[in-house]
C-alpha cells in the first residue's frame, strides 16, 4: 500500500508522521526506538504498509528525531518523557482520534508504558518490542548507542547498526547503506544537539527514568503483547519477562535467532503476529 506523509501541530512544534490505510479504519500508532539517526520510517518501513491493509496506521517521528524537531530541547530522558507523552496525545487530538492501538519499539515501548500511566483511556491493545520501562542495568550496547556522540564516527554507527540484528546478513549490503544514510542524518547539527540533550552522561540515569513502578504495571489491564528478540544486544530479555509477569493481561512472545530489530529481522512473522493480536484473534 502507498504510504503518505503529513505534519500536525503538537504543542509548539510540528510532528512529522507517515500514514497508511483508510481514514475511517481503526487507528494504530507506531512509536519508534532511539538509536542515533532513528526515525519512524527506519523502524516501520515494513510494518506500516502491512498494518495499513487493515488499520489506519500512523508512525510519527518522535520529538527530537527525524523531522519532528523540538525548538527548546530539555535535558535528560526524564524531561523528554514529558515532551514525548504530551506529543502523542496532541497527535491523537490533532488527528481527531479518541482511542487507538499502540505499538512501541525499544524507547518507543518505554513511551508507550508512560502513556498508559498518564492516559490509559486513550488506548486499547498494546504491543511492546524490546521495550525499556523495567528496571535493568544499562547494557554495553545501550551505553554505546546513547553515548554515540562521544565518538560520532561512521565506523561506530555501522557497528551499532549491525548489532541491531542477530544476523546482519538478512539485509546483505543494505546494512552498509543504512549506516551511511544514517551517518548523514546524525551529523546534522539539529539532530546531534537534540540527541545529546536526551541522553547526557551515564545511560543508567536514563534507563531509570523510564521505569514504571511495579504497582502501576499491575494496574495496566490493557490486552498486551510483549515481544523480544532472544539475542537482543541492547535491551536484556529480562525486561520483557518482568513486564509480562506483572501486567495482568499480557503475554510474551520471544523470537529466537533475532536481535533488537524484530520488525526488520523477523518482519513477516512479526507483522502477522501483531495483526492477529490487534484483530483480537488471541489475547
Protein backbone atom coordinates (compact mmCIF):
# COMPACT_ATOMS: atom_id res chain seq x y z
CA UNK A 1 0.00 0.00 0.00
CA UNK A 2 1.05 3.59 -0.56
CA UNK A 3 2.48 5.43 2.44
CA UNK A 4 1.87 9.18 2.70
CA UNK A 5 3.49 11.78 4.95
CA UNK A 6 1.99 14.79 6.71
CA UNK A 7 2.53 17.22 9.56
CA UNK A 8 0.35 18.18 12.51
CA UNK A 9 0.80 20.83 15.21
CA UNK A 10 1.63 19.24 18.57
CA UNK A 11 2.05 21.88 21.26
CA UNK A 12 4.57 24.40 19.99
CA UNK A 13 6.21 22.29 17.29
CA UNK A 14 5.12 20.20 14.33
CA UNK A 15 5.12 16.43 14.31
CA UNK A 16 6.05 14.78 11.03
CA UNK A 17 4.33 11.44 10.53
CA UNK A 18 3.75 8.72 7.97
CA UNK A 19 0.34 7.15 7.49
CA UNK A 20 -1.21 4.33 5.56
CA UNK A 21 -4.70 2.86 5.35
CA UNK A 22 -8.27 4.09 5.27
CA UNK A 23 -9.03 7.24 7.23
CA UNK A 24 -12.07 5.60 8.82
CA UNK A 25 -10.23 2.41 9.85
CA UNK A 26 -9.31 1.72 13.46
CA UNK A 27 -6.11 3.65 14.23
CA UNK A 28 -2.84 2.11 15.39
CA UNK A 29 0.07 4.33 16.44
CA UNK A 30 3.62 3.02 15.94
CA UNK A 31 6.38 4.54 18.11
CA UNK A 32 9.99 4.03 17.03
CA UNK A 33 13.17 3.47 19.02
CA UNK A 34 16.04 5.78 19.88
CA UNK A 35 19.22 4.75 18.07
CA UNK A 36 21.30 7.58 16.59
CA UNK A 37 19.63 8.65 13.35
CA UNK A 38 16.42 6.76 14.15
CA UNK A 39 13.07 7.88 12.80
CA UNK A 40 9.65 6.41 12.12
CA UNK A 41 10.34 5.07 8.64
CA UNK A 42 13.64 3.44 9.61
CA UNK A 43 11.71 1.35 12.15
CA UNK A 44 8.38 0.79 10.40
CA UNK A 45 9.21 0.56 6.69
CA UNK A 46 7.74 -2.95 6.55
CA UNK A 47 5.11 -2.82 9.30
CA UNK A 48 3.43 0.41 8.20
CA UNK A 49 2.12 -0.73 4.78
CA UNK A 50 1.29 -4.19 6.14
CA UNK A 51 -0.84 -2.87 9.00
CA UNK A 52 -2.30 -0.24 6.67
CA UNK A 53 -4.14 -3.03 4.87
CA UNK A 54 -6.42 -3.39 7.90
CA UNK A 55 -5.89 -0.29 10.03
CA UNK A 56 -5.24 3.41 9.89
CA UNK A 57 -1.53 3.02 10.63
CA UNK A 58 0.27 6.15 11.83
CA UNK A 59 4.01 6.35 12.53
CA UNK A 60 5.25 9.70 13.88
CA UNK A 61 8.81 10.89 14.20
CA UNK A 62 9.06 11.23 17.98
CA UNK A 63 10.13 14.72 19.08
CA UNK A 64 13.86 15.26 18.61
CA UNK A 65 14.09 12.58 15.91
CA UNK A 66 13.73 12.77 12.15
CA UNK A 67 11.68 15.74 11.03
CA UNK A 68 9.89 16.34 14.36
CA UNK A 69 12.29 18.91 15.73
CA UNK A 70 11.64 20.40 19.16
CA UNK A 71 12.55 24.07 19.38
CA UNK A 72 13.52 24.12 23.08
CA UNK A 73 15.04 20.72 23.85
CA UNK A 74 15.17 19.87 27.57
CA UNK A 75 17.99 17.88 29.17
CA UNK A 76 17.77 14.23 30.17
CA UNK A 77 15.32 11.44 29.36
CA UNK A 78 13.05 12.25 32.32
CA UNK A 79 12.29 15.70 30.89
CA UNK A 80 11.95 14.35 27.36
CA UNK A 81 9.42 11.74 28.53
CA UNK A 82 7.07 14.60 29.39
CA UNK A 83 7.57 16.06 25.90
CA UNK A 84 7.01 12.71 24.18
CA UNK A 85 3.86 11.74 26.06
CA UNK A 86 2.34 15.18 25.53
CA UNK A 87 3.29 15.00 21.83
CA UNK A 88 1.48 11.72 21.23
CA UNK A 89 -1.70 12.90 22.97
CA UNK A 90 -1.56 16.13 20.92
CA UNK A 91 -1.09 13.99 17.79
CA UNK A 92 -4.22 11.99 18.61
CA UNK A 93 -6.18 15.15 19.31
CA UNK A 94 -4.91 16.86 16.17
CA UNK A 95 -5.96 13.90 14.03
CA UNK A 96 -9.33 13.56 15.72
CA UNK A 97 -8.52 10.15 17.24
CA UNK A 98 -10.25 9.33 20.51
CA UNK A 99 -8.74 5.90 21.05
CA UNK A 100 -6.02 3.86 19.32
CA UNK A 101 -3.96 0.71 19.48
CA UNK A 102 -0.32 1.38 20.34
CA UNK A 103 2.86 -0.38 19.18
CA UNK A 104 6.14 0.69 20.82
CA UNK A 105 9.68 -0.36 19.93
CA UNK A 106 12.52 -0.02 22.48
CA UNK A 107 12.42 3.60 23.67
CA UNK A 108 9.04 3.88 21.93
CA UNK A 109 7.92 0.97 24.12
CA UNK A 110 9.03 2.97 27.15
CA UNK A 111 6.99 5.94 25.90
CA UNK A 112 4.07 3.54 25.41
CA UNK A 113 4.17 2.48 29.07
CA UNK A 114 4.43 6.11 30.16
CA UNK A 115 1.37 6.93 28.06
CA UNK A 116 -0.55 4.13 29.77
CA UNK A 117 0.37 5.63 33.15
CA UNK A 118 -0.94 9.06 32.19
CA UNK A 119 -3.73 8.43 29.66
CA UNK A 120 -4.92 4.80 29.90
CA UNK A 121 -8.34 5.63 28.48
CA UNK A 122 -6.87 6.72 25.13
CA UNK A 123 -5.51 3.29 24.20
CA UNK A 124 -6.83 -0.22 23.52
CA UNK A 125 -4.47 -3.05 22.57
CA UNK A 126 -0.76 -2.68 23.24
CA UNK A 127 2.32 -4.21 21.60
CA UNK A 128 5.76 -3.81 23.20
CA UNK A 129 9.02 -4.71 21.42
CA UNK A 130 12.22 -4.94 23.44
CA UNK A 131 10.88 -2.07 25.49
CA UNK A 132 12.52 -0.07 28.25
CA UNK A 133 10.38 0.54 31.33
CA UNK A 134 11.51 -2.28 33.62
CA UNK A 135 14.50 -1.94 35.96
CA UNK A 136 17.76 -3.22 34.49
CA UNK A 137 21.45 -2.40 34.36
CA UNK A 138 22.30 -0.46 31.22
CA UNK A 139 23.97 -2.82 28.76
CA UNK A 140 27.24 -2.03 26.98
CA UNK A 141 25.20 -1.81 23.77
CA UNK A 142 22.87 0.79 25.22
CA UNK A 143 25.78 2.73 26.70
CA UNK A 144 27.37 2.88 23.26
CA UNK A 145 24.09 3.69 21.49
CA UNK A 146 23.01 6.52 23.76
CA UNK A 147 26.61 7.70 24.07
CA UNK A 148 27.23 7.60 20.33
CA UNK A 149 28.41 11.21 20.06
CA UNK A 150 31.40 10.53 22.29
CA UNK A 151 32.94 9.10 19.11
CA UNK A 152 30.49 10.07 16.34
CA UNK A 153 32.30 8.08 13.69
CA UNK A 154 30.82 6.30 10.71
CA UNK A 155 32.56 3.12 11.84
CA UNK A 156 30.86 3.23 15.25
CA UNK A 157 27.49 3.82 13.63
CA UNK A 158 28.00 0.86 11.28
CA UNK A 159 28.89 -1.28 14.30
CA UNK A 160 25.67 -0.27 16.08
CA UNK A 161 23.51 -0.90 13.01
CA UNK A 162 24.95 -4.41 12.67
CA UNK A 163 24.33 -5.11 16.36
CA UNK A 164 20.63 -4.31 15.91
CA UNK A 165 20.46 -7.63 14.07
CA UNK A 166 21.39 -11.13 15.20
CA UNK A 167 22.18 -11.98 11.58
CA UNK A 168 23.15 -8.83 9.64
CA UNK A 169 23.27 -10.96 6.53
CA UNK A 170 19.47 -10.80 6.26
CA UNK A 171 19.92 -7.29 4.86
CA UNK A 172 23.04 -8.03 2.84
CA UNK A 173 24.70 -4.87 1.53
CA UNK A 174 21.75 -2.83 2.84
CA UNK A 175 23.40 -2.78 6.28
CA UNK A 176 26.23 -0.59 4.99
CA UNK A 177 23.77 1.55 3.06
CA UNK A 178 21.67 2.07 6.20
CA UNK A 179 24.75 3.07 8.19
CA UNK A 180 25.89 5.52 5.51
CA UNK A 181 22.42 7.05 5.20
CA UNK A 182 22.08 7.36 8.96
CA UNK A 183 25.52 8.94 9.29
CA UNK A 184 24.39 11.78 7.06
CA UNK A 185 21.49 12.36 9.45
CA UNK A 186 23.33 12.09 12.75
CA UNK A 187 25.96 14.63 11.72
CA UNK A 188 23.34 17.33 11.18
CA UNK A 189 23.60 19.88 13.98
CA UNK A 190 19.86 19.82 14.75
CA UNK A 191 19.85 16.04 15.14
CA UNK A 192 23.04 15.91 17.21
CA UNK A 193 22.03 18.72 19.54
CA UNK A 194 18.72 17.10 20.46
CA UNK A 195 20.08 13.56 20.81
CA UNK A 196 22.88 14.74 23.11
CA UNK A 197 20.28 16.60 25.19
CA UNK A 198 18.25 13.40 25.62
CA UNK A 199 20.98 11.10 26.88
CA UNK A 200 23.83 13.06 28.51
CA UNK A 201 26.21 11.30 30.87
CA UNK A 202 25.59 7.78 32.13
CA UNK A 203 22.90 5.76 30.34
CA UNK A 204 21.77 4.25 33.65
CA UNK A 205 20.15 7.53 34.70
CA UNK A 206 18.00 7.48 31.57
CA UNK A 207 17.13 3.78 31.87
CA UNK A 208 15.90 4.51 35.39
CA UNK A 209 13.80 7.47 34.19
CA UNK A 210 11.65 5.11 32.13
CA UNK A 211 10.99 2.60 34.94
CA UNK A 212 7.28 2.16 35.73
CA UNK A 213 6.56 1.31 39.39
CA UNK A 214 5.53 -2.29 39.87
CA UNK A 215 2.11 -1.46 41.32
CA UNK A 216 1.33 0.66 38.25
CA UNK A 217 2.25 -2.15 35.87
CA UNK A 218 -0.11 -4.44 37.78
CA UNK A 219 -2.90 -1.90 37.27
CA UNK A 220 -2.45 -1.75 33.47
CA UNK A 221 -5.26 -4.02 32.30
CA UNK A 222 -4.92 -3.41 28.55
CA UNK A 223 -4.55 -6.56 26.42
CA UNK A 224 -0.80 -6.52 25.79
CA UNK A 225 1.55 -8.46 23.55
CA UNK A 226 5.15 -8.29 24.81
CA UNK A 227 7.79 -9.28 22.24
CA UNK A 228 11.57 -9.57 22.42
CA UNK A 229 14.43 -10.89 20.31
CA UNK A 230 16.27 -13.57 22.27
CA UNK A 231 19.66 -12.32 21.03
CA UNK A 232 18.96 -8.63 21.70
CA UNK A 233 22.28 -6.80 22.23
CA UNK A 234 20.78 -3.61 23.63
CA UNK A 235 17.87 -4.47 25.94
CA UNK A 236 18.00 -7.68 28.02
CA UNK A 237 15.19 -10.20 27.69
CA UNK A 238 14.65 -9.92 31.46
CA UNK A 239 12.86 -6.60 30.90
CA UNK A 240 10.10 -8.19 28.84
CA UNK A 241 9.77 -11.08 31.29
CA UNK A 242 9.44 -8.54 34.11
CA UNK A 243 6.69 -6.58 32.35
CA UNK A 244 4.78 -9.65 31.11
CA UNK A 245 4.72 -11.18 34.60
CA UNK A 246 3.20 -8.03 36.10
CA UNK A 247 0.72 -6.69 33.55
CA UNK A 248 -2.43 -8.75 34.22
CA UNK A 249 -3.46 -9.24 30.57
CA UNK A 250 -0.02 -9.53 28.99
CA UNK A 251 1.53 -12.41 27.13
CA UNK A 252 5.08 -12.83 25.89
CA UNK A 253 6.46 -13.93 22.51
CA UNK A 254 10.22 -14.47 22.30
CA UNK A 255 11.72 -14.53 18.78
CA UNK A 256 14.71 -16.84 18.55
CA UNK A 257 17.72 -16.06 16.33
CA UNK A 258 16.67 -12.42 16.48
CA UNK A 259 18.23 -9.20 17.71
CA UNK A 260 16.74 -5.83 18.62
CA UNK A 261 15.15 -5.13 15.23
CA UNK A 262 12.40 -7.76 15.34
CA UNK A 263 10.33 -5.76 12.85
CA UNK A 264 13.19 -5.98 10.35
CA UNK A 265 14.85 -9.32 11.04
CA UNK A 266 11.64 -11.31 11.56
CA UNK A 267 9.35 -8.94 9.70
CA UNK A 268 6.91 -11.44 8.20
CA UNK A 269 6.37 -13.33 11.45
CA UNK A 270 6.24 -10.11 13.46
CA UNK A 271 3.78 -8.36 11.18
CA UNK A 272 1.41 -11.33 11.12
CA UNK A 273 1.62 -11.80 14.89
CA UNK A 274 0.84 -8.13 15.53
CA UNK A 275 -2.09 -8.06 13.11
CA UNK A 276 -3.57 -11.25 14.58
CA UNK A 277 -3.24 -9.76 18.06
CA UNK A 278 -4.75 -6.40 17.10
CA UNK A 279 -7.57 -8.24 15.30
CA UNK A 280 -8.37 -9.98 18.59
CA UNK A 281 -7.57 -13.47 17.31
CA UNK A 282 -5.77 -14.12 20.60
CA UNK A 283 -5.21 -12.29 23.85
